[in-house]
C-alpha atoms as a PDB file:
ATOM      1  CA  MET A   1      28.156  -3.437  -2.712  1.00  0.00           C
ATOM      2  CA  ASN A   2      28.292  -2.022  -6.253  1.00  0.00           C
ATOM      3  CA  LEU A   3      26.985  -5.316  -7.601  1.00  0.00           C
ATOM      4  CA  HIS A   4      24.004  -4.983  -5.276  1.00  0.00           C
ATOM      5  CA  TRP A   5      23.096  -1.580  -6.793  1.00  0.00           C
ATOM      6  CA  ALA A   6      23.737  -2.897 -10.286  1.00  0.00           C
ATOM      7  CA  LEU A   7      20.994  -5.461  -9.668  1.00  0.00           C
ATOM      8  CA  VAL A   8      18.594  -3.281  -7.677  1.00  0.00           C
ATOM      9  CA  LEU A   9      18.607  -0.207  -9.901  1.00  0.00           C
ATOM     10  CA  PRO A  10      17.244  -1.912 -13.056  1.00  0.00           C
ATOM     11  CA  LEU A  11      14.529  -3.616 -11.005  1.00  0.00           C
ATOM     12  CA  ALA A  12      13.505  -0.330  -9.377  1.00  0.00           C
ATOM     13  CA  LEU A  13      13.404   1.421 -12.748  1.00  0.00           C
ATOM     14  CA  ALA A  14      11.334  -1.373 -14.263  1.00  0.00           C
ATOM     15  CA  ALA A  15       8.828  -1.238 -11.394  1.00  0.00           C
ATOM     16  CA  THR A  16       8.388   2.526 -11.575  1.00  0.00           C
ATOM     17  CA  ALA A  17       8.057   2.464 -15.355  1.00  0.00           C
ATOM     18  CA  CYS A  18       4.881   0.393 -14.956  1.00  0.00           C
ATOM     19  CA  ALA A  19       3.345   2.735 -12.373  1.00  0.00           C
ATOM     20  CA  THR A  20       0.279   4.793 -13.202  1.00  0.00           C
ATOM     21  CA  PRO A  21       1.182   8.500 -12.938  1.00  0.00           C
ATOM     22  CA  ALA A  22      -0.254  10.158  -9.817  1.00  0.00           C
ATOM     23  CA  GLY A  23      -2.423  12.515 -11.877  1.00  0.00           C
ATOM     24  CA  LYS A  24      -4.149   9.636 -13.681  1.00  0.00           C
ATOM     25  CA  LEU A  25      -5.167   7.652 -10.579  1.00  0.00           C
ATOM     26  CA  THR A  26      -8.882   7.572  -9.744  1.00  0.00           C
ATOM     27  CA  ASP A  27     -10.831   6.683  -6.602  1.00  0.00           C
ATOM     28  CA  ALA A  28     -11.333   3.190  -8.057  1.00  0.00           C
ATOM     29  CA  ASP A  29      -7.574   2.605  -7.651  1.00  0.00           C
ATOM     30  CA  PHE A  30      -7.807   2.935  -3.845  1.00  0.00           C
ATOM     31  CA  GLU A  31      -9.392   1.470  -0.733  1.00  0.00           C
ATOM     32  CA  THR A  32     -10.930   4.458   1.056  1.00  0.00           C
ATOM     33  CA  ARG A  33     -11.729   5.419   4.640  1.00  0.00           C
ATOM     34  CA  ALA A  34     -13.294   8.703   5.851  1.00  0.00           C
ATOM     35  CA  ILE A  35     -12.777  10.065   9.373  1.00  0.00           C
ATOM     36  CA  THR A  36     -14.033  13.203  11.132  1.00  0.00           C
ATOM     37  CA  PHE A  37     -11.775  15.185  13.485  1.00  0.00           C
ATOM     38  CA  ASP A  38     -12.394  18.099  15.847  1.00  0.00           C
ATOM     39  CA  GLU A  39      -9.119  19.740  14.739  1.00  0.00           C
ATOM     40  CA  GLN A  40      -8.908  22.203  11.858  1.00  0.00           C
ATOM     41  CA  PRO A  41      -7.620  20.898   8.481  1.00  0.00           C
ATOM     42  CA  ALA A  42      -4.231  22.627   8.880  1.00  0.00           C
ATOM     43  CA  VAL A  43      -3.600  20.644  12.095  1.00  0.00           C
ATOM     44  CA  ILE A  44      -4.450  17.327  10.430  1.00  0.00           C
ATOM     45  CA  VAL A  45      -2.218  18.071   7.431  1.00  0.00           C
ATOM     46  CA  ALA A  46       0.636  19.099   9.749  1.00  0.00           C
ATOM     47  CA  ASN A  47       0.212  15.910  11.814  1.00  0.00           C
ATOM     48  CA  LEU A  48       0.349  13.714   8.715  1.00  0.00           C
ATOM     49  CA  TYR A  49       3.215  15.597   7.138  1.00  0.00           C
ATOM     50  CA  ASP A  50       5.326  15.653  10.321  1.00  0.00           C
ATOM     51  CA  SER A  51       4.712  12.010  11.212  1.00  0.00           C
ATOM     52  CA  LEU A  52       5.496  10.746   7.696  1.00  0.00           C
ATOM     53  CA  ARG A  53       8.654  12.861   7.556  1.00  0.00           C
ATOM     54  CA  SER A  54       9.708  11.262  10.854  1.00  0.00           C
ATOM     55  CA  CYS A  55       8.839   7.753   9.674  1.00  0.00           C
ATOM     56  CA  PRO A  56       9.408   7.467   5.916  1.00  0.00           C
ATOM     57  CA  GLN A  57       8.888   3.693   6.065  1.00  0.00           C
ATOM     58  CA  HIS A  58       5.144   4.557   6.119  1.00  0.00           C
ATOM     59  CA  GLY A  59       5.483   6.634   2.945  1.00  0.00           C
ATOM     60  CA  VAL A  60       6.924   9.858   1.591  1.00  0.00           C
ATOM     61  CA  VAL A  61       4.299  12.594   1.413  1.00  0.00           C
ATOM     62  CA  GLU A  62       3.968  15.449  -1.078  1.00  0.00           C
ATOM     63  CA  CYS A  63       1.109  17.903  -0.565  1.00  0.00           C
ATOM     64  CA  ALA A  64      -0.400  20.376  -2.993  1.00  0.00           C
ATOM     65  CA  PRO A  65      -0.913  23.923  -1.735  1.00  0.00           C
ATOM     66  CA  GLN A  66      -4.054  24.491   0.311  1.00  0.00           C
ATOM     67  CA  ARG A  67      -7.026  25.368  -1.882  1.00  0.00           C
ATOM     68  CA  PRO A  68      -9.207  28.450  -1.332  1.00  0.00           C
ATOM     69  CA  ASP A  69     -11.942  26.273   0.221  1.00  0.00           C
ATOM     70  CA  GLY A  70      -9.460  25.105   2.894  1.00  0.00           C
ATOM     71  CA  SER A  71      -8.971  21.597   1.507  1.00  0.00           C
ATOM     72  CA  THR A  72      -5.621  19.967   0.840  1.00  0.00           C
ATOM     73  CA  GLN A  73      -4.631  16.875  -1.133  1.00  0.00           C
ATOM     74  CA  CYS A  74      -1.452  14.883  -0.567  1.00  0.00           C
ATOM     75  CA  ASP A  75      -0.021  11.927  -2.446  1.00  0.00           C
ATOM     76  CA  VAL A  76       1.982   9.342  -0.522  1.00  0.00           C
ATOM     77  CA  TYR A  77       4.794   7.590  -2.378  1.00  0.00           C
ATOM     78  CA  SER A  78       6.837   4.533  -1.459  1.00  0.00           C
ATOM     79  CA  GLN A  79      10.465   5.061  -0.533  1.00  0.00           C
ATOM     80  CA  SER A  80      12.905   4.686  -3.395  1.00  0.00           C
ATOM     81  CA  GLY A  81      15.476   2.633  -1.510  1.00  0.00           C
ATOM     82  CA  LEU A  82      18.224   4.444  -3.403  1.00  0.00           C
ATOM     83  CA  PRO A  83      20.717   6.739  -1.682  1.00  0.00           C
ATOM     84  CA  GLY A  84      19.889  10.403  -2.259  1.00  0.00           C
ATOM     85  CA  VAL A  85      16.495   9.616  -3.827  1.00  0.00           C
ATOM     86  CA  PRO A  86      13.786  10.008  -1.161  1.00  0.00           C
ATOM     87  CA  ARG A  87      10.822   8.558  -3.033  1.00  0.00           C
ATOM     88  CA  SER A  88       9.859   6.389  -5.951  1.00  0.00           C
ATOM     89  CA  ASP A  89       7.106   7.214  -8.451  1.00  0.00           C
ATOM     90  CA  LEU A  90       4.808   4.563  -6.932  1.00  0.00           C
ATOM     91  CA  VAL A  91       1.788   6.154  -5.243  1.00  0.00           C
ATOM     92  CA  ILE A  92       0.815   4.015  -2.255  1.00  0.00           C
ATOM     93  CA  GLY A  93      -1.861   6.326  -0.912  1.00  0.00           C
ATOM     94  CA  ARG A  94      -3.593   9.647  -0.910  1.00  0.00           C
ATOM     95  CA  PHE A  95      -5.029  12.030   1.697  1.00  0.00           C
ATOM     96  CA  ARG A  96      -7.707  14.619   1.232  1.00  0.00           C
ATOM     97  CA  VAL A  97      -8.342  16.932   4.164  1.00  0.00           C
ATOM     98  CA  LEU A  98     -11.558  18.927   3.951  1.00  0.00           C
ATOM     99  CA  PRO A  99     -13.065  21.499   6.295  1.00  0.00           C
ATOM    100  CA  GLY A 100     -15.875  20.042   8.412  1.00  0.00           C
ATOM    101  CA  GLU A 101     -19.486  21.125   7.915  1.00  0.00           C
ATOM    102  CA  ARG A 102     -19.616  23.147  11.145  1.00  0.00           C
ATOM    103  CA  ALA A 103     -16.114  22.864  12.578  1.00  0.00           C
ATOM    104  CA  GLY A 104     -13.172  20.514  12.561  1.00  0.00           C
ATOM    105  CA  SER A 105     -12.220  18.574   9.480  1.00  0.00           C
ATOM    106  CA  ARG A 106     -12.910  15.483   7.453  1.00  0.00           C
ATOM    107  CA  LEU A 107     -10.036  13.255   6.372  1.00  0.00           C
ATOM    108  CA  ILE A 108     -10.348  10.896   3.446  1.00  0.00           C
ATOM    109  CA  ILE A 109      -7.455   8.454   3.398  1.00  0.00           C
ATOM    110  CA  GLN A 110      -6.854   6.053   0.555  1.00  0.00           C
ATOM    111  CA  ALA A 111      -4.469   3.116   0.200  1.00  0.00           C
ATOM    112  CA  ALA A 112      -3.631   1.916  -3.297  1.00  0.00           C
ATOM    113  CA  ASN A 113      -5.344  -1.350  -4.248  1.00  0.00           C
ATOM    114  CA  TRP A 114      -2.080  -2.877  -5.476  1.00  0.00           C
ATOM    115  CA  THR A 115      -0.442  -2.598  -2.024  1.00  0.00           C
ATOM    116  CA  GLY A 116      -0.596  -5.231   0.682  1.00  0.00           C
ATOM    117  CA  ARG A 117      -1.896  -4.676   4.223  1.00  0.00           C
ATOM    118  CA  ARG A 118      -4.181  -1.832   3.168  1.00  0.00           C
ATOM    119  CA  SER A 119      -6.267  -1.974   6.360  1.00  0.00           C
ATOM    120  CA  SER A 120      -3.140  -1.761   8.507  1.00  0.00           C
ATOM    121  CA  ARG A 121      -1.779   1.102   6.398  1.00  0.00           C
ATOM    122  CA  LEU A 122      -5.071   3.019   6.683  1.00  0.00           C
ATOM    123  CA  ALA A 123      -5.142   2.480  10.455  1.00  0.00           C
ATOM    124  CA  ASN A 124      -1.543   3.735  10.800  1.00  0.00           C
ATOM    125  CA  TRP A 125      -2.259   6.854   8.744  1.00  0.00           C
ATOM    126  CA  GLU A 126      -5.452   7.528  10.720  1.00  0.00           C
ATOM    127  CA  ARG A 127      -3.485   7.328  13.981  1.00  0.00           C
ATOM    128  CA  MET A 128      -0.791   9.620  12.562  1.00  0.00           C
ATOM    129  CA  ALA A 129      -3.438  12.169  11.556  1.00  0.00           C
ATOM    130  CA  SER A 130      -4.897  12.274  15.051  1.00  0.00           C
ATOM    131  CA  THR A 131      -1.653  12.216  17.069  1.00  0.00           C
ATOM    132  CA  GLY A 132       1.088  13.515  14.779  1.00  0.00           C
ATOM    133  CA  ALA A 133       3.230  10.649  16.078  1.00  0.00           C
ATOM    134  CA  CYS A 134       4.950   7.969  14.069  1.00  0.00           C
ATOM    135  CA  ASN A 135       4.407   5.056  16.449  1.00  0.00           C
END
């Protein structure tokens, strides 16, 4: 088992060393989808946060504090695969939850261009936002 980690750890470190830092990513680095919900932004953020915590295989989420305008931004990282380390430095997606024009909220979900199955990932995250459920 120790040999396994001796091989995996250098590969994981090499992969994360090549990653663009989350703060330097732009909209051009993502495939984007926008959805409107009847629920308030806090409900959508809670649904996403709770469902991703329950199902980390879909990503590990870290959200910034809610802004004065009611919007929230969250980065979604891939799992690290290492014991005791919940996430890697690889951003696989991003959520922006904005208050709706009259009521409800608008969710902008983004899947990183370098990831596979972006359409499937976006659909899963959209479902999680509306239901708060993992599956």
